[in-house]
Amino acid sequence: MAKTIKPPQSLGEIKEQRSFFLAGSIEMGRAIDWQSQVGNKFDDFDIIIWNPRRLFWDSSWEQSINNPLFKEQVDWELDALDRAEAIFFHFEPQTQSPITLMELGLFAQSGKCIVHCPEGFWRKGNVDIICQRY
């Protein structure tokens, strides 16, 4: 049975278990909750799903290293990305997803990226070239 972990939930003990991180468009009001749709397809598998879509995100939070809630979110995501056996990237066409682009840049050479970037994403060319190279 799949176990989905979302922030600010603890990542738990490190153990040898298959896992993947759901990186991609989260822009509220523009991006669908694709993370839940993908996660539900793995219900019958013994796997950990790191889903960064926080249930109670507050868009008024100052995006600063000095804001403990914001820093907790970013640290959680980076820790989960590091732990993940695979990283699924999804770029919604109607979004810009700058954090997802940054995450792809950080992990492109890791060999654990699976990328979905449909026509219409504003930087599809950049994403395609990075994927082709790495």
Protein backbone atom coordinates (compact mmCIF):
# COMPACT_ATOMS: atom_id res chain seq x y z
CA MET A 1 0.00 0.00 0.00
CA ALA A 2 1.39 3.39 -1.00
CA LYS A 3 2.16 5.93 1.70
CA THR A 4 1.82 9.59 0.73
CA ILE A 5 3.74 12.08 2.84
CA LYS A 6 3.04 15.82 2.61
CA PRO A 7 4.61 18.76 4.40
CA PRO A 8 4.89 19.52 7.23
CA GLN A 9 4.71 15.76 8.00
CA SER A 10 8.01 14.28 9.08
CA LEU A 11 9.88 12.47 6.33
CA GLY A 12 10.41 9.61 8.76
CA GLU A 13 13.30 7.25 9.15
CA ILE A 14 15.43 6.52 6.13
CA LYS A 15 14.72 2.98 5.01
CA GLU A 16 15.26 0.95 1.91
CA GLN A 17 11.89 1.45 0.25
CA ARG A 18 10.97 2.60 -3.22
CA SER A 19 9.94 6.24 -3.31
CA PHE A 20 9.29 9.10 -5.67
CA PHE A 21 8.83 12.85 -5.40
CA LEU A 22 6.09 14.68 -7.30
CA ALA A 23 7.78 17.82 -8.65
CA GLY A 24 5.79 20.17 -10.81
CA SER A 25 3.28 22.92 -11.22
CA ILE A 26 1.43 23.80 -8.02
CA GLU A 27 0.36 27.37 -8.88
CA MET A 28 -2.97 27.73 -7.08
CA GLY A 29 -5.81 28.63 -9.43
CA ARG A 30 -3.82 27.58 -12.51
CA ALA A 31 -2.53 24.06 -11.91
CA ILE A 32 -4.84 21.15 -11.26
CA ASP A 33 -4.06 18.88 -8.31
CA TRP A 34 -2.23 16.47 -10.59
CA GLN A 35 -0.18 15.18 -7.64
CA SER A 36 -3.21 13.42 -6.13
CA GLN A 37 -4.20 12.00 -9.52
CA VAL A 38 -0.73 10.48 -10.04
CA GLY A 39 -0.43 9.35 -6.43
CA ASN A 40 -3.76 7.51 -6.56
CA LYS A 41 -2.48 5.34 -9.42
CA PHE A 42 0.10 3.83 -7.04
CA ASP A 43 -2.28 2.85 -4.22
CA ASP A 44 -1.54 -0.86 -4.65
CA PHE A 45 2.25 -0.50 -4.56
CA ASP A 46 4.58 -0.61 -1.57
CA ILE A 47 6.04 2.83 -2.17
CA ILE A 48 6.50 6.20 -0.51
CA ILE A 49 5.17 9.21 -2.41
CA TRP A 50 6.61 12.58 -1.41
CA ASN A 51 3.89 15.11 -2.35
CA PRO A 52 4.93 18.75 -1.71
CA ARG A 53 1.38 20.11 -2.10
CA ARG A 54 0.79 21.36 1.44
CA LEU A 55 -2.83 21.07 2.57
CA PHE A 56 -2.85 24.42 4.33
CA TRP A 57 -0.58 26.63 2.23
CA ASP A 58 -0.87 30.35 2.94
CA SER A 59 0.11 32.44 -0.08
CA SER A 60 0.58 35.47 2.17
CA TRP A 61 3.67 33.92 3.75
CA GLU A 62 6.77 35.97 3.16
CA GLN A 63 9.04 33.87 0.97
CA SER A 64 12.13 34.48 3.05
CA ILE A 65 14.71 32.34 4.79
CA ASN A 66 13.69 34.25 7.93
CA ASN A 67 10.11 32.94 7.78
CA PRO A 68 10.19 29.62 9.67
CA LEU A 69 7.09 28.18 7.93
CA PHE A 70 8.40 28.98 4.47
CA LYS A 71 11.88 27.68 5.30
CA GLU A 72 10.34 24.48 6.70
CA GLN A 73 8.49 23.93 3.39
CA VAL A 74 11.57 24.47 1.23
CA ASP A 75 13.78 22.32 3.47
CA TRP A 76 11.13 19.56 3.45
CA GLU A 77 11.05 19.60 -0.35
CA LEU A 78 14.84 19.54 -0.71
CA ASP A 79 15.18 16.71 1.81
CA ALA A 80 12.47 14.67 0.06
CA LEU A 81 14.03 15.31 -3.36
CA ASP A 82 17.37 14.05 -2.04
CA ARG A 83 15.76 10.89 -0.59
CA ALA A 84 13.58 10.04 -3.57
CA GLU A 85 14.53 7.13 -5.77
CA ALA A 86 12.77 8.86 -8.68
CA ILE A 87 11.46 12.38 -9.31
CA PHE A 88 8.37 12.83 -11.50
CA PHE A 89 8.28 16.30 -13.08
CA HIS A 90 5.08 17.69 -14.57
CA PHE A 91 4.86 21.13 -16.19
CA GLU A 92 1.32 22.48 -16.66
CA PRO A 93 1.05 24.54 -19.89
CA GLN A 94 -0.78 27.48 -18.27
CA THR A 95 1.86 27.91 -15.53
CA GLN A 96 5.41 29.21 -15.34
CA SER A 97 6.58 26.94 -12.51
CA PRO A 98 9.91 28.63 -11.72
CA ILE A 99 10.58 26.43 -8.68
CA THR A 100 10.00 23.28 -10.74
CA LEU A 101 12.44 24.56 -13.36
CA MET A 102 14.99 25.17 -10.59
CA GLU A 103 14.42 21.67 -9.19
CA LEU A 104 14.91 20.15 -12.64
CA GLY A 105 18.18 22.07 -12.93
CA LEU A 106 19.30 20.79 -9.53
CA PHE A 107 18.50 17.13 -10.27
CA ALA A 108 18.79 16.75 -14.07
CA GLN A 109 22.15 15.00 -13.79
CA SER A 110 20.99 12.67 -11.00
CA GLY A 111 19.61 10.03 -13.36
CA LYS A 112 16.36 9.84 -11.40
CA CYS A 113 14.18 12.32 -13.34
CA ILE A 114 11.06 11.41 -15.30
CA VAL A 115 9.71 14.49 -17.08
CA HIS A 116 6.34 15.35 -18.61
CA CYS A 117 6.35 18.70 -20.39
CA PRO A 118 3.44 19.08 -22.83
CA GLU A 119 3.19 21.51 -25.72
CA GLY A 120 2.25 24.97 -24.53
CA PHE A 121 4.56 25.15 -21.52
CA TRP A 122 6.32 28.50 -21.85
CA ARG A 123 9.84 27.04 -21.52
CA LYS A 124 9.27 23.65 -23.14
CA GLY A 125 12.31 24.14 -25.36
CA ASN A 126 14.59 24.61 -22.36
CA VAL A 127 13.11 21.57 -20.61
CA ASP A 128 13.46 19.42 -23.75
CA ILE A 129 17.11 20.38 -24.22
CA ILE A 130 17.97 19.66 -20.57
CA CYS A 131 16.23 16.28 -20.81
CA GLN A 132 18.00 15.42 -24.06
CA ARG A 133 21.38 16.27 -22.59
CA TYR A 134 20.96 14.56 -19.21
